Amino acid sequence: MQNRVNQLTLERNNSQNDLALMTMAYNNEQVERHFWWRVAQQLERGMQTHINALLLDKFALNFKLWRYQRHGRELQQELQQCRADKGLLEYNRDQLFDRYYNKFKDQKASHIKWKNRERNSRQLILNLNQQIFTLQNNLPINNQYRGMAGYAPPLFYGKAGEDPEEWIRDFRQYCEASGLDPLADARTRVRIHGLFETCLRDDAKDWYETHLKNKNWELQNISDNTGLADLGAINGLTNNNALCAINVNQFRGGALHIRNTVPANNNAIAMPLVPAHTVFDEDWLISGGRPTDLAPNAPNANVGGNTIAPGIRIGQVLY
């Protein structure tokens, strides 16, 4: 009898354990279901927000399309009105011509004079129409350069995919085709600089005006106690002895290396510290040239700073 009781007790305990496990599984399932229900709610709200944004964009695009269509209709009406006015003017002109023609048909000289005047007026109208067409199809800022090479100069926008080195090669070829030789004189280099600015558009123009335009040119590797008047004098050092005569403390970087390695003789300097104004082939690495907002500082100012040339030239811009 006692064994039977023990067996029933054991079965009861097992049943209670099974009930506890089933209850725990049920609770876990409830928690998991509630979790995924919240996830679904968030996804639904996110999708609804995205749908609302798309609907708003669609409305904005439809509104813009309606405005463009309305503007197009207005332009079409204005065009029709212009054509009607043109027809009326031509009709009045013909009537006026016929009136004076009949009036002066027996006066040959007067008729010829009036006919010539009318012909001149027509030619003037044709010339004006041609000028308007030219201005509409060409950028006025570059028209002054079109005739030199027979085609417009290349433009640079600074967009992704544009190669600045390739554009500079095209720009150089255009200058050569236009007869703009940077070695000719300073005036020609100024013209090349002006042409360069007109060829920049959008991001490229913004970058140029922010980082280069109206800056000065600093030589990080040449101090201001060289005893030389300007950059031209530095470039014009005639021989190695002239360079060796300058205190070594006035140089850094590549300029210091050149100063320390030149032999003491009267031979020409093999590697000038400052390049000549060749525009397209200027190398300012030795002197450490860079644009700066600091005030100009001559190489003989002796105030403890770097040499800073006033303004920035086209060769320095291209470098």
C-alpha atoms as a PDB file:
ATOM      1  CA  MET A   1       0.000   0.000   0.000  1.00  0.00           C
ATOM      2  CA  GLN A   2       2.810   2.381   0.873  1.00  0.00           C
ATOM      3  CA  ASN A   3       4.469   1.692  -2.471  1.00  0.00           C
ATOM      4  CA  ARG A   4       1.282   2.693  -4.224  1.00  0.00           C
ATOM      5  CA  VAL A   5       1.165   5.969  -2.316  1.00  0.00           C
ATOM      6  CA  ASN A   6       4.793   6.696  -3.141  1.00  0.00           C
ATOM      7  CA  GLN A   7       4.161   5.965  -6.801  1.00  0.00           C
ATOM      8  CA  LEU A   8       1.155   8.315  -6.888  1.00  0.00           C
ATOM      9  CA  THR A   9       3.164  10.996  -5.092  1.00  0.00           C
ATOM     10  CA  LEU A  10       5.938  10.674  -7.653  1.00  0.00           C
ATOM     11  CA  GLU A  11       3.494  10.920 -10.546  1.00  0.00           C
ATOM     12  CA  ARG A  12       1.936  14.005  -8.905  1.00  0.00           C
ATOM     13  CA  ASN A  13       5.337  15.662  -8.573  1.00  0.00           C
ATOM     14  CA  ASN A  14       6.200  14.832 -12.183  1.00  0.00           C
ATOM     15  CA  SER A  15       2.891  16.270 -13.312  1.00  0.00           C
ATOM     16  CA  GLN A  16       3.525  19.438 -11.304  1.00  0.00           C
ATOM     17  CA  ASN A  17       6.980  19.745 -12.858  1.00  0.00           C
ATOM     18  CA  ASP A  18       5.517  19.271 -16.338  1.00  0.00           C
ATOM     19  CA  LEU A  19       2.894  21.898 -15.549  1.00  0.00           C
ATOM     20  CA  ALA A  20       5.603  24.318 -14.394  1.00  0.00           C
ATOM     21  CA  LEU A  21       7.621  23.745 -17.573  1.00  0.00           C
ATOM     22  CA  MET A  22       4.560  24.191 -19.770  1.00  0.00           C
ATOM     23  CA  THR A  23       3.639  27.370 -17.881  1.00  0.00           C
ATOM     24  CA  MET A  24       7.179  28.707 -18.334  1.00  0.00           C
ATOM     25  CA  ALA A  25       7.120  27.851 -22.055  1.00  0.00           C
ATOM     26  CA  TYR A  26       3.742  29.557 -22.410  1.00  0.00           C
ATOM     27  CA  ASN A  27       5.017  32.701 -20.674  1.00  0.00           C
ATOM     28  CA  ASN A  28       8.134  32.713 -22.851  1.00  0.00           C
ATOM     29  CA  GLU A  29       5.990  32.378 -25.926  1.00  0.00           C
ATOM     30  CA  GLN A  30       3.847  35.306 -24.749  1.00  0.00           C
ATOM     31  CA  VAL A  31       6.932  37.462 -24.213  1.00  0.00           C
ATOM     32  CA  GLU A  32       8.357  36.485 -27.602  1.00  0.00           C
ATOM     33  CA  ARG A  33       5.056  37.152 -29.351  1.00  0.00           C
ATOM     34  CA  HIS A  34       4.766  40.537 -27.665  1.00  0.00           C
ATOM     35  CA  PHE A  35       8.330  41.375 -28.740  1.00  0.00           C
ATOM     36  CA  TRP A  36       7.726  40.541 -32.402  1.00  0.00           C
ATOM     37  CA  TRP A  37       4.382  42.356 -32.279  1.00  0.00           C
ATOM     38  CA  ARG A  38       6.236  45.524 -31.183  1.00  0.00           C
ATOM     39  CA  VAL A  39       8.793  44.983 -33.954  1.00  0.00           C
ATOM     40  CA  ALA A  40       6.000  44.666 -36.496  1.00  0.00           C
ATOM     41  CA  GLN A  41       4.364  47.832 -35.160  1.00  0.00           C
ATOM     42  CA  GLN A  42       7.630  49.768 -35.494  1.00  0.00           C
ATOM     43  CA  LEU A  43       8.154  48.484 -39.021  1.00  0.00           C
ATOM     44  CA  GLU A  44       4.628  49.429 -39.931  1.00  0.00           C
ATOM     45  CA  ARG A  45       5.078  52.929 -38.498  1.00  0.00           C
ATOM     46  CA  GLY A  46       8.401  53.280 -40.356  1.00  0.00           C
ATOM     47  CA  MET A  47       6.840  52.155 -43.619  1.00  0.00           C
ATOM     48  CA  GLN A  48       3.966  54.553 -43.127  1.00  0.00           C
ATOM     49  CA  THR A  49       6.394  57.395 -42.468  1.00  0.00           C
ATOM     50  CA  HIS A  50       8.327  56.512 -45.624  1.00  0.00           C
ATOM     51  CA  ILE A  51       5.094  56.304 -47.602  1.00  0.00           C
ATOM     52  CA  ASN A  52       4.046  59.730 -46.286  1.00  0.00           C
ATOM     53  CA  ALA A  53       7.435  61.168 -47.285  1.00  0.00           C
ATOM     54  CA  LEU A  54       7.110  59.693 -50.773  1.00  0.00           C
ATOM     55  CA  LEU A  55       3.608  61.090 -51.111  1.00  0.00           C
ATOM     56  CA  LEU A  56       4.893  64.507 -50.039  1.00  0.00           C
ATOM     57  CA  ASP A  57       7.712  64.307 -52.613  1.00  0.00           C
ATOM     58  CA  LYS A  58       5.200  63.266 -55.259  1.00  0.00           C
ATOM     59  CA  PHE A  59       3.022  66.243 -54.406  1.00  0.00           C
ATOM     60  CA  ALA A  60       6.022  68.607 -54.581  1.00  0.00           C
ATOM     61  CA  LEU A  61       7.073  67.185 -57.957  1.00  0.00           C
ATOM     62  CA  ASN A  62       3.544  67.429 -59.312  1.00  0.00           C
ATOM     63  CA  PHE A  63       3.364  71.027 -58.094  1.00  0.00           C
ATOM     64  CA  LYS A  64       6.675  71.878 -59.787  1.00  0.00           C
ATOM     65  CA  LEU A  65       5.514  70.140 -62.961  1.00  0.00           C
ATOM     66  CA  TRP A  66       2.310  72.173 -62.902  1.00  0.00           C
ATOM     67  CA  ARG A  67       4.298  75.388 -62.462  1.00  0.00           C
ATOM     68  CA  TYR A  68       6.641  74.495 -65.324  1.00  0.00           C
ATOM     69  CA  GLN A  69       3.708  73.614 -67.545  1.00  0.00           C
ATOM     70  CA  ARG A  70       1.996  76.887 -66.689  1.00  0.00           C
ATOM     71  CA  HIS A  71       5.226  78.805 -67.346  1.00  0.00           C
ATOM     72  CA  GLY A  72       5.563  76.942 -70.643  1.00  0.00           C
ATOM     73  CA  ARG A  73       2.044  77.938 -71.653  1.00  0.00           C
ATOM     74  CA  GLU A  74       2.796  81.542 -70.732  1.00  0.00           C
ATOM     75  CA  LEU A  75       5.970  81.462 -72.824  1.00  0.00           C
ATOM     76  CA  GLN A  76       4.044  79.916 -75.703  1.00  0.00           C
ATOM     77  CA  GLN A  77       1.466  82.697 -75.489  1.00  0.00           C
ATOM     78  CA  GLU A  78       4.218  85.327 -75.401  1.00  0.00           C
ATOM     79  CA  LEU A  79       5.847  83.711 -78.425  1.00  0.00           C
ATOM     80  CA  GLN A  80       2.575  83.752 -80.320  1.00  0.00           C
ATOM     81  CA  GLN A  81       2.084  87.391 -79.358  1.00  0.00           C
ATOM     82  CA  CYS A  82       5.607  88.237 -80.541  1.00  0.00           C
ATOM     83  CA  ARG A  83       4.937  86.518 -83.847  1.00  0.00           C
ATOM     84  CA  ALA A  84       1.684  88.403 -84.209  1.00  0.00           C
ATOM     85  CA  ASP A  85       3.429  91.702 -83.422  1.00  0.00           C
ATOM     86  CA  LYS A  86       6.160  90.821 -85.913  1.00  0.00           C
ATOM     87  CA  GLY A  87       3.551  90.150 -88.597  1.00  0.00           C
ATOM     88  CA  LEU A  88       1.805  93.420 -87.857  1.00  0.00           C
ATOM     89  CA  LEU A  89       5.067  95.347 -87.988  1.00  0.00           C
ATOM     90  CA  GLU A  90       6.024  93.738 -91.278  1.00  0.00           C
ATOM     91  CA  TYR A  91       2.596  94.531 -92.685  1.00  0.00           C
ATOM     92  CA  ASN A  92       2.833  98.184 -91.588  1.00  0.00           C
ATOM     93  CA  ARG A  93       6.340  98.382 -93.002  1.00  0.00           C
ATOM     94  CA  ASP A  94       5.197  97.051 -96.360  1.00  0.00           C
ATOM     95  CA  GLN A  95       2.238  99.416 -96.388  1.00  0.00           C
ATOM     96  CA  LEU A  96       4.504 102.330 -95.565  1.00  0.00           C
ATOM     97  CA  PHE A  97       6.945 101.293 -98.253  1.00  0.00           C
ATOM     98  CA  ASP A  98       4.175 100.976-100.863  1.00  0.00           C
ATOM     99  CA  ARG A  99       2.813 104.379 -99.856  1.00  0.00           C
ATOM    100  CA  TYR A 100       6.131 106.121-100.329  1.00  0.00           C
ATOM    101  CA  TYR A 101       6.913 104.076-103.406  1.00  0.00           C
ATOM    102  CA  ASN A 102       3.705 105.253-105.082  1.00  0.00           C
ATOM    103  CA  LYS A 103       4.286 108.787-103.918  1.00  0.00           C
ATOM    104  CA  PHE A 104       7.831 108.983-105.263  1.00  0.00           C
ATOM    105  CA  LYS A 105       7.644 106.567-108.189  1.00  0.00           C
ATOM    106  CA  ASP A 106       7.981 109.491-110.595  1.00  0.00           C
ATOM    107  CA  GLN A 107      10.867 110.898-108.591  1.00  0.00           C
ATOM    108  CA  LYS A 108      13.592 108.406-109.268  1.00  0.00           C
ATOM    109  CA  ALA A 109      16.200 109.862-106.916  1.00  0.00           C
ATOM    110  CA  SER A 110      13.825 110.064-103.956  1.00  0.00           C
ATOM    111  CA  HIS A 111      12.580 106.556-104.603  1.00  0.00           C
ATOM    112  CA  ILE A 112      16.111 105.144-104.701  1.00  0.00           C
ATOM    113  CA  LYS A 113      16.992 106.990-101.495  1.00  0.00           C
ATOM    114  CA  TRP A 114      13.972 105.608 -99.672  1.00  0.00           C
ATOM    115  CA  LYS A 115      14.544 102.104-101.053  1.00  0.00           C
ATOM    116  CA  ASN A 116      18.163 102.155 -99.879  1.00  0.00           C
ATOM    117  CA  ARG A 117      17.097 103.337 -96.447  1.00  0.00           C
ATOM    118  CA  GLU A 118      14.540 100.543 -96.186  1.00  0.00           C
ATOM    119  CA  ARG A 119      17.142  97.991 -97.323  1.00  0.00           C
ATOM    120  CA  ASN A 120      19.588  99.264 -94.734  1.00  0.00           C
ATOM    121  CA  SER A 121      16.924  98.950 -92.045  1.00  0.00           C
ATOM    122  CA  ARG A 122      16.279  95.331 -92.995  1.00  0.00           C
ATOM    123  CA  GLN A 123      19.993  94.542 -92.921  1.00  0.00           C
ATOM    124  CA  LEU A 124      20.298  96.169 -89.502  1.00  0.00           C
ATOM    125  CA  ILE A 125      17.469  93.982 -88.217  1.00  0.00           C
ATOM    126  CA  LEU A 126      19.161  90.878 -89.605  1.00  0.00           C
ATOM    127  CA  ASN A 127      22.454  91.866 -87.968  1.00  0.00           C
ATOM    128  CA  LEU A 128      20.779  92.411 -84.605  1.00  0.00           C
ATOM    129  CA  ASN A 129      18.995  89.057 -84.849  1.00  0.00           C
ATOM    130  CA  GLN A 130      22.330  87.364 -85.588  1.00  0.00           C
ATOM    131  CA  GLN A 131      23.946  89.035 -82.580  1.00  0.00           C
ATOM    132  CA  ILE A 132      21.073  87.919 -80.335  1.00  0.00           C
ATOM    133  CA  PHE A 133      21.412  84.355 -81.617  1.00  0.00           C
ATOM    134  CA  THR A 134      25.170  84.409 -80.965  1.00  0.00           C
ATOM    135  CA  LEU A 135      24.725  85.710 -77.410  1.00  0.00           C
ATOM    136  CA  GLN A 136      22.085  83.074 -76.673  1.00  0.00           C
ATOM    137  CA  ASN A 137      24.300  80.204 -77.793  1.00  0.00           C
ATOM    138  CA  ASN A 138      27.693  81.317 -76.444  1.00  0.00           C
ATOM    139  CA  LEU A 139      28.924  82.406 -73.055  1.00  0.00           C
ATOM    140  CA  PRO A 140      29.701  86.136 -73.376  1.00  0.00           C
ATOM    141  CA  ILE A 141      32.617  85.872 -70.966  1.00  0.00           C
ATOM    142  CA  ASN A 142      34.485  83.557 -73.343  1.00  0.00           C
ATOM    143  CA  ASN A 143      33.520  85.129 -76.677  1.00  0.00           C
ATOM    144  CA  GLN A 144      36.604  87.340 -76.573  1.00  0.00           C
ATOM    145  CA  TYR A 145      38.768  84.199 -76.775  1.00  0.00           C
ATOM    146  CA  ARG A 146      36.769  82.198 -79.325  1.00  0.00           C
ATOM    147  CA  GLY A 147      38.264  83.788 -82.399  1.00  0.00           C
ATOM    148  CA  MET A 148      41.881  83.218 -81.361  1.00  0.00           C
ATOM    149  CA  ALA A 149      41.874  79.405 -81.604  1.00  0.00           C
ATOM    150  CA  GLY A 150      38.726  78.949 -83.651  1.00  0.00           C
ATOM    151  CA  TYR A 151      36.890  77.219 -80.788  1.00  0.00           C
ATOM    152  CA  ALA A 152      35.848  77.962 -77.216  1.00  0.00           C
ATOM    153  CA  PRO A 153      38.302  77.254 -74.379  1.00  0.00           C
ATOM    154  CA  PRO A 154      37.731  74.108 -72.281  1.00  0.00           C
ATOM    155  CA  LEU A 155      35.658  74.474 -69.117  1.00  0.00           C
ATOM    156  CA  PHE A 156      36.256  72.809 -65.750  1.00  0.00           C
ATOM    157  CA  TYR A 157      33.414  72.244 -63.272  1.00  0.00           C
ATOM    158  CA  GLY A 158      35.142  70.221 -60.562  1.00  0.00           C
ATOM    159  CA  LYS A 159      32.668  67.357 -60.923  1.00  0.00           C
ATOM    160  CA  ALA A 160      33.388  63.736 -60.019  1.00  0.00           C
ATOM    161  CA  GLY A 161      35.091  62.045 -62.933  1.00  0.00           C
ATOM    162  CA  GLU A 162      36.752  65.204 -64.261  1.00  0.00           C
ATOM    163  CA  ASP A 163      40.549  64.947 -64.407  1.00  0.00           C
ATOM    164  CA  PRO A 164      42.167  68.304 -63.511  1.00  0.00           C
ATOM    165  CA  GLU A 165      45.516  67.256 -65.001  1.00  0.00           C
ATOM    166  CA  GLU A 166      43.838  66.386 -68.305  1.00  0.00           C
ATOM    167  CA  TRP A 167      41.917  69.665 -68.280  1.00  0.00           C
ATOM    168  CA  ILE A 168      45.138  71.642 -67.660  1.00  0.00           C
ATOM    169  CA  ARG A 169      46.694  69.898 -70.683  1.00  0.00           C
ATOM    170  CA  ASP A 170      43.671  70.897 -72.793  1.00  0.00           C
ATOM    171  CA  PHE A 171      43.860  74.440 -71.416  1.00  0.00           C
ATOM    172  CA  ARG A 172      47.567  74.625 -72.288  1.00  0.00           C
ATOM    173  CA  GLN A 173      46.892  73.383 -75.830  1.00  0.00           C
ATOM    174  CA  TYR A 174      44.178  76.012 -76.228  1.00  0.00           C
ATOM    175  CA  CYS A 175      46.561  78.769 -75.102  1.00  0.00           C
ATOM    176  CA  GLU A 176      49.169  77.543 -77.589  1.00  0.00           C
ATOM    177  CA  ALA A 177      46.592  77.420 -80.385  1.00  0.00           C
ATOM    178  CA  SER A 178      45.533  80.960 -79.462  1.00  0.00           C
ATOM    179  CA  GLY A 179      49.078  82.291 -79.619  1.00  0.00           C
ATOM    180  CA  LEU A 180      49.261  82.975 -75.871  1.00  0.00           C
ATOM    181  CA  ASP A 181      52.930  82.317 -75.094  1.00  0.00           C
ATOM    182  CA  PRO A 182      53.596  82.635 -71.321  1.00  0.00           C
ATOM    183  CA  LEU A 183      57.266  83.304 -72.021  1.00  0.00           C
ATOM    184  CA  ALA A 184      56.435  86.354 -74.153  1.00  0.00           C
ATOM    185  CA  ASP A 185      55.796  88.905 -71.416  1.00  0.00           C
ATOM    186  CA  ALA A 186      53.937  89.555 -68.161  1.00  0.00           C
ATOM    187  CA  ARG A 187      50.935  90.972 -70.036  1.00  0.00           C
ATOM    188  CA  THR A 188      50.415  87.638 -71.812  1.00  0.00           C
ATOM    189  CA  ARG A 189      50.624  85.765 -68.507  1.00  0.00           C
ATOM    190  CA  VAL A 190      47.965  88.083 -67.077  1.00  0.00           C
ATOM    191  CA  ARG A 191      45.742  87.297 -70.073  1.00  0.00           C
ATOM    192  CA  ILE A 192      46.247  83.565 -69.490  1.00  0.00           C
ATOM    193  CA  HIS A 193      45.316  84.066 -65.831  1.00  0.00           C
ATOM    194  CA  GLY A 194      42.123  85.903 -66.820  1.00  0.00           C
ATOM    195  CA  LEU A 195      41.234  83.178 -69.317  1.00  0.00           C
ATOM    196  CA  PHE A 196      41.858  80.537 -66.635  1.00  0.00           C
ATOM    197  CA  GLU A 197      39.346  82.185 -64.301  1.00  0.00           C
ATOM    198  CA  THR A 198      36.656  82.380 -66.998  1.00  0.00           C
ATOM    199  CA  CYS A 199      37.003  78.616 -67.636  1.00  0.00           C
ATOM    200  CA  LEU A 200      36.115  77.634 -64.063  1.00  0.00           C
ATOM    201  CA  ARG A 201      32.503  76.778 -63.243  1.00  0.00           C
ATOM    202  CA  ASP A 202      30.430  75.693 -60.242  1.00  0.00           C
ATOM    203  CA  ASP A 203      32.449  73.844 -57.558  1.00  0.00           C
ATOM    204  CA  ALA A 204      35.774  74.523 -59.270  1.00  0.00           C
ATOM    205  CA  LYS A 205      35.103  78.271 -59.328  1.00  0.00           C
ATOM    206  CA  ASP A 206      33.975  78.251 -55.682  1.00  0.00           C
ATOM    207  CA  TRP A 207      37.117  76.375 -54.637  1.00  0.00           C
ATOM    208  CA  TYR A 208      39.378  78.751 -56.583  1.00  0.00           C
ATOM    209  CA  GLU A 209      37.759  81.873 -55.130  1.00  0.00           C
ATOM    210  CA  THR A 210      37.962  80.427 -51.601  1.00  0.00           C
ATOM    211  CA  HIS A 211      41.469  78.954 -51.589  1.00  0.00           C
ATOM    212  CA  LEU A 212      43.489  80.858 -54.203  1.00  0.00           C
ATOM    213  CA  LYS A 213      42.007  84.118 -55.446  1.00  0.00           C
ATOM    214  CA  ASN A 214      43.356  87.297 -53.829  1.00  0.00           C
ATOM    215  CA  LYS A 215      45.887  85.293 -51.749  1.00  0.00           C
ATOM    216  CA  ASN A 216      49.612  85.939 -51.378  1.00  0.00           C
ATOM    217  CA  TRP A 217      52.387  83.399 -52.106  1.00  0.00           C
ATOM    218  CA  GLU A 218      54.460  82.153 -49.160  1.00  0.00           C
ATOM    219  CA  LEU A 219      57.811  80.366 -49.440  1.00  0.00           C
ATOM    220  CA  GLN A 220      57.937  78.100 -46.393  1.00  0.00           C
ATOM    221  CA  ASN A 221      61.564  77.101 -47.028  1.00  0.00           C
ATOM    222  CA  ILE A 222      63.080  80.579 -47.516  1.00  0.00           C
ATOM    223  CA  SER A 223      63.239  83.123 -44.674  1.00  0.00           C
ATOM    224  CA  ASP A 224      63.194  86.900 -44.991  1.00  0.00           C
ATOM    225  CA  ASN A 225      66.861  87.652 -44.261  1.00  0.00           C
ATOM    226  CA  THR A 226      68.438  86.593 -47.540  1.00  0.00           C
ATOM    227  CA  GLY A 227      69.401  90.131 -48.514  1.00  0.00           C
ATOM    228  CA  LEU A 228      67.546  89.767 -51.826  1.00  0.00           C
ATOM    229  CA  ALA A 229      64.829  92.175 -52.909  1.00  0.00           C
ATOM    230  CA  ASP A 230      62.163  89.833 -54.320  1.00  0.00           C
ATOM    231  CA  LEU A 231      61.451  86.427 -55.855  1.00  0.00           C
ATOM    232  CA  GLY A 232      62.950  87.553 -59.141  1.00  0.00           C
ATOM    233  CA  ALA A 233      66.250  88.219 -57.391  1.00  0.00           C
ATOM    234  CA  ILE A 234      66.183  84.747 -55.830  1.00  0.00           C
ATOM    235  CA  ASN A 235      65.583  83.196 -59.236  1.00  0.00           C
ATOM    236  CA  GLY A 236      68.275  85.420 -60.694  1.00  0.00           C
ATOM    237  CA  LEU A 237      71.103  84.195 -58.455  1.00  0.00           C
ATOM    238  CA  THR A 238      73.847  83.934 -61.050  1.00  0.00           C
ATOM    239  CA  ASN A 239      76.116  81.219 -59.659  1.00  0.00           C
ATOM    240  CA  ASN A 240      76.790  78.813 -56.814  1.00  0.00           C
ATOM    241  CA  ASN A 241      79.013  81.275 -54.931  1.00  0.00           C
ATOM    242  CA  ALA A 242      76.155  83.791 -54.811  1.00  0.00           C
ATOM    243  CA  LEU A 243      73.936  81.172 -53.184  1.00  0.00           C
ATOM    244  CA  CYS A 244      76.646  80.078 -50.760  1.00  0.00           C
ATOM    245  CA  ALA A 245      77.065  83.697 -49.640  1.00  0.00           C
ATOM    246  CA  ILE A 246      73.579  83.605 -48.068  1.00  0.00           C
ATOM    247  CA  ASN A 247      73.464  82.378 -44.465  1.00  0.00           C
ATOM    248  CA  VAL A 248      72.436  78.741 -44.292  1.00  0.00           C
ATOM    249  CA  ASN A 249      69.975  79.534 -41.500  1.00  0.00           C
ATOM    250  CA  GLN A 250      67.710  81.252 -44.026  1.00  0.00           C
ATOM    251  CA  PHE A 251      66.769  77.954 -45.693  1.00  0.00           C
ATOM    252  CA  ARG A 252      64.743  74.882 -44.826  1.00  0.00           C
ATOM    253  CA  GLY A 253      63.613  71.708 -46.549  1.00  0.00           C
ATOM    254  CA  GLY A 254      64.479  71.403 -50.235  1.00  0.00           C
ATOM    255  CA  ALA A 255      66.011  74.880 -50.325  1.00  0.00           C
ATOM    256  CA  LEU A 256      68.358  73.967 -47.469  1.00  0.00           C
ATOM    257  CA  HIS A 257      69.401  70.798 -49.296  1.00  0.00           C
ATOM    258  CA  ILE A 258      70.266  72.807 -52.435  1.00  0.00           C
ATOM    259  CA  ARG A 259      72.149  75.396 -50.359  1.00  0.00           C
ATOM    260  CA  ASN A 260      74.201  72.713 -48.608  1.00  0.00           C
ATOM    261  CA  THR A 261      75.053  70.671 -51.710  1.00  0.00           C
ATOM    262  CA  VAL A 262      76.077  73.307 -54.274  1.00  0.00           C
ATOM    263  CA  PRO A 263      79.823  73.461 -54.883  1.00  0.00           C
ATOM    264  CA  ALA A 264      81.745  76.636 -54.163  1.00  0.00           C
ATOM    265  CA  ASN A 265      82.385  77.875 -57.692  1.00  0.00           C
ATOM    266  CA  ASN A 266      81.105  80.355 -60.232  1.00  0.00           C
ATOM    267  CA  ASN A 267      79.092  77.808 -62.207  1.00  0.00           C
ATOM    268  CA  ALA A 268      75.383  78.432 -62.772  1.00  0.00           C
ATOM    269  CA  ILE A 269      73.027  76.999 -60.173  1.00  0.00           C
ATOM    270  CA  ALA A 270      71.785  73.666 -61.507  1.00  0.00           C
ATOM    271  CA  MET A 271      68.517  73.739 -59.545  1.00  0.00           C
ATOM    272  CA  PRO A 272      67.114  77.261 -58.950  1.00  0.00           C
ATOM    273  CA  LEU A 273      65.408  77.798 -55.612  1.00  0.00           C
ATOM    274  CA  VAL A 274      62.574  79.720 -57.282  1.00  0.00           C
ATOM    275  CA  PRO A 275      61.306  78.772 -60.779  1.00  0.00           C
ATOM    276  CA  ALA A 276      61.027  81.197 -63.669  1.00  0.00           C
ATOM    277  CA  HIS A 277      57.623  82.354 -64.921  1.00  0.00           C
ATOM    278  CA  THR A 278      56.982  79.502 -67.349  1.00  0.00           C
ATOM    279  CA  VAL A 279      53.353  79.129 -66.072  1.00  0.00           C
ATOM    280  CA  PHE A 280      52.756  75.505 -67.046  1.00  0.00           C
ATOM    281  CA  ASP A 281      56.036  74.007 -65.810  1.00  0.00           C
ATOM    282  CA  GLU A 282      56.696  75.863 -62.563  1.00  0.00           C
ATOM    283  CA  ASP A 283      57.861  73.680 -59.649  1.00  0.00           C
ATOM    284  CA  TRP A 284      57.574  75.353 -56.255  1.00  0.00           C
ATOM    285  CA  LEU A 285      58.397  72.233 -54.233  1.00  0.00           C
ATOM    286  CA  ILE A 286      61.971  73.292 -53.420  1.00  0.00           C
ATOM    287  CA  SER A 287      60.944  76.662 -51.993  1.00  0.00           C
ATOM    288  CA  GLY A 288      57.777  75.267 -50.357  1.00  0.00           C
ATOM    289  CA  GLY A 289      55.427  77.619 -52.168  1.00  0.00           C
ATOM    290  CA  ARG A 290      51.813  77.798 -50.966  1.00  0.00           C
ATOM    291  CA  PRO A 291      48.940  80.343 -50.871  1.00  0.00           C
ATOM    292  CA  THR A 292      48.494  82.337 -47.694  1.00  0.00           C
ATOM    293  CA  ASP A 293      46.403  85.110 -46.173  1.00  0.00           C
ATOM    294  CA  LEU A 294      49.480  86.601 -44.470  1.00  0.00           C
ATOM    295  CA  ALA A 295      50.705  90.014 -45.589  1.00  0.00           C
ATOM    296  CA  PRO A 296      53.573  90.258 -48.106  1.00  0.00           C
ATOM    297  CA  ASN A 297      57.056  89.963 -46.619  1.00  0.00           C
ATOM    298  CA  ALA A 298      60.101  90.654 -48.794  1.00  0.00           C
ATOM    299  CA  PRO A 299      63.073  88.268 -48.673  1.00  0.00           C
ATOM    300  CA  ASN A 300      65.174  91.116 -47.231  1.00  0.00           C
ATOM    301  CA  ALA A 301      62.609  92.325 -44.657  1.00  0.00           C
ATOM    302  CA  ASN A 302      64.484  90.637 -41.771  1.00  0.00           C
ATOM    303  CA  VAL A 303      61.520  90.437 -39.377  1.00  0.00           C
ATOM    304  CA  GLY A 304      61.904  86.743 -38.603  1.00  0.00           C
ATOM    305  CA  GLY A 305      59.278  85.335 -40.955  1.00  0.00           C
ATOM    306  CA  ASN A 306      59.022  83.531 -44.256  1.00  0.00           C
ATOM    307  CA  THR A 307      59.309  85.225 -47.621  1.00  0.00           C
ATOM    308  CA  ILE A 308      55.811  86.133 -48.880  1.00  0.00           C
ATOM    309  CA  ALA A 309      55.305  87.532 -52.366  1.00  0.00           C
ATOM    310  CA  PRO A 310      52.348  89.846 -52.994  1.00  0.00           C
ATOM    311  CA  GLY A 311      49.468  88.286 -54.953  1.00  0.00           C
ATOM    312  CA  ILE A 312      49.340  84.918 -56.639  1.00  0.00           C
ATOM    313  CA  ARG A 313      50.235  84.320 -60.292  1.00  0.00           C
ATOM    314  CA  ILE A 314      48.896  81.852 -62.801  1.00  0.00           C
ATOM    315  CA  GLY A 315      51.961  79.574 -62.598  1.00  0.00           C
ATOM    316  CA  GLN A 316      51.533  79.343 -58.824  1.00  0.00           C
ATOM    317  CA  VAL A 317      47.817  78.651 -59.256  1.00  0.00           C
ATOM    318  CA  LEU A 318      48.461  75.763 -61.674  1.00  0.00           C
ATOM    319  CA  TYR A 319      51.159  74.347 -59.384  1.00  0.00           C
END
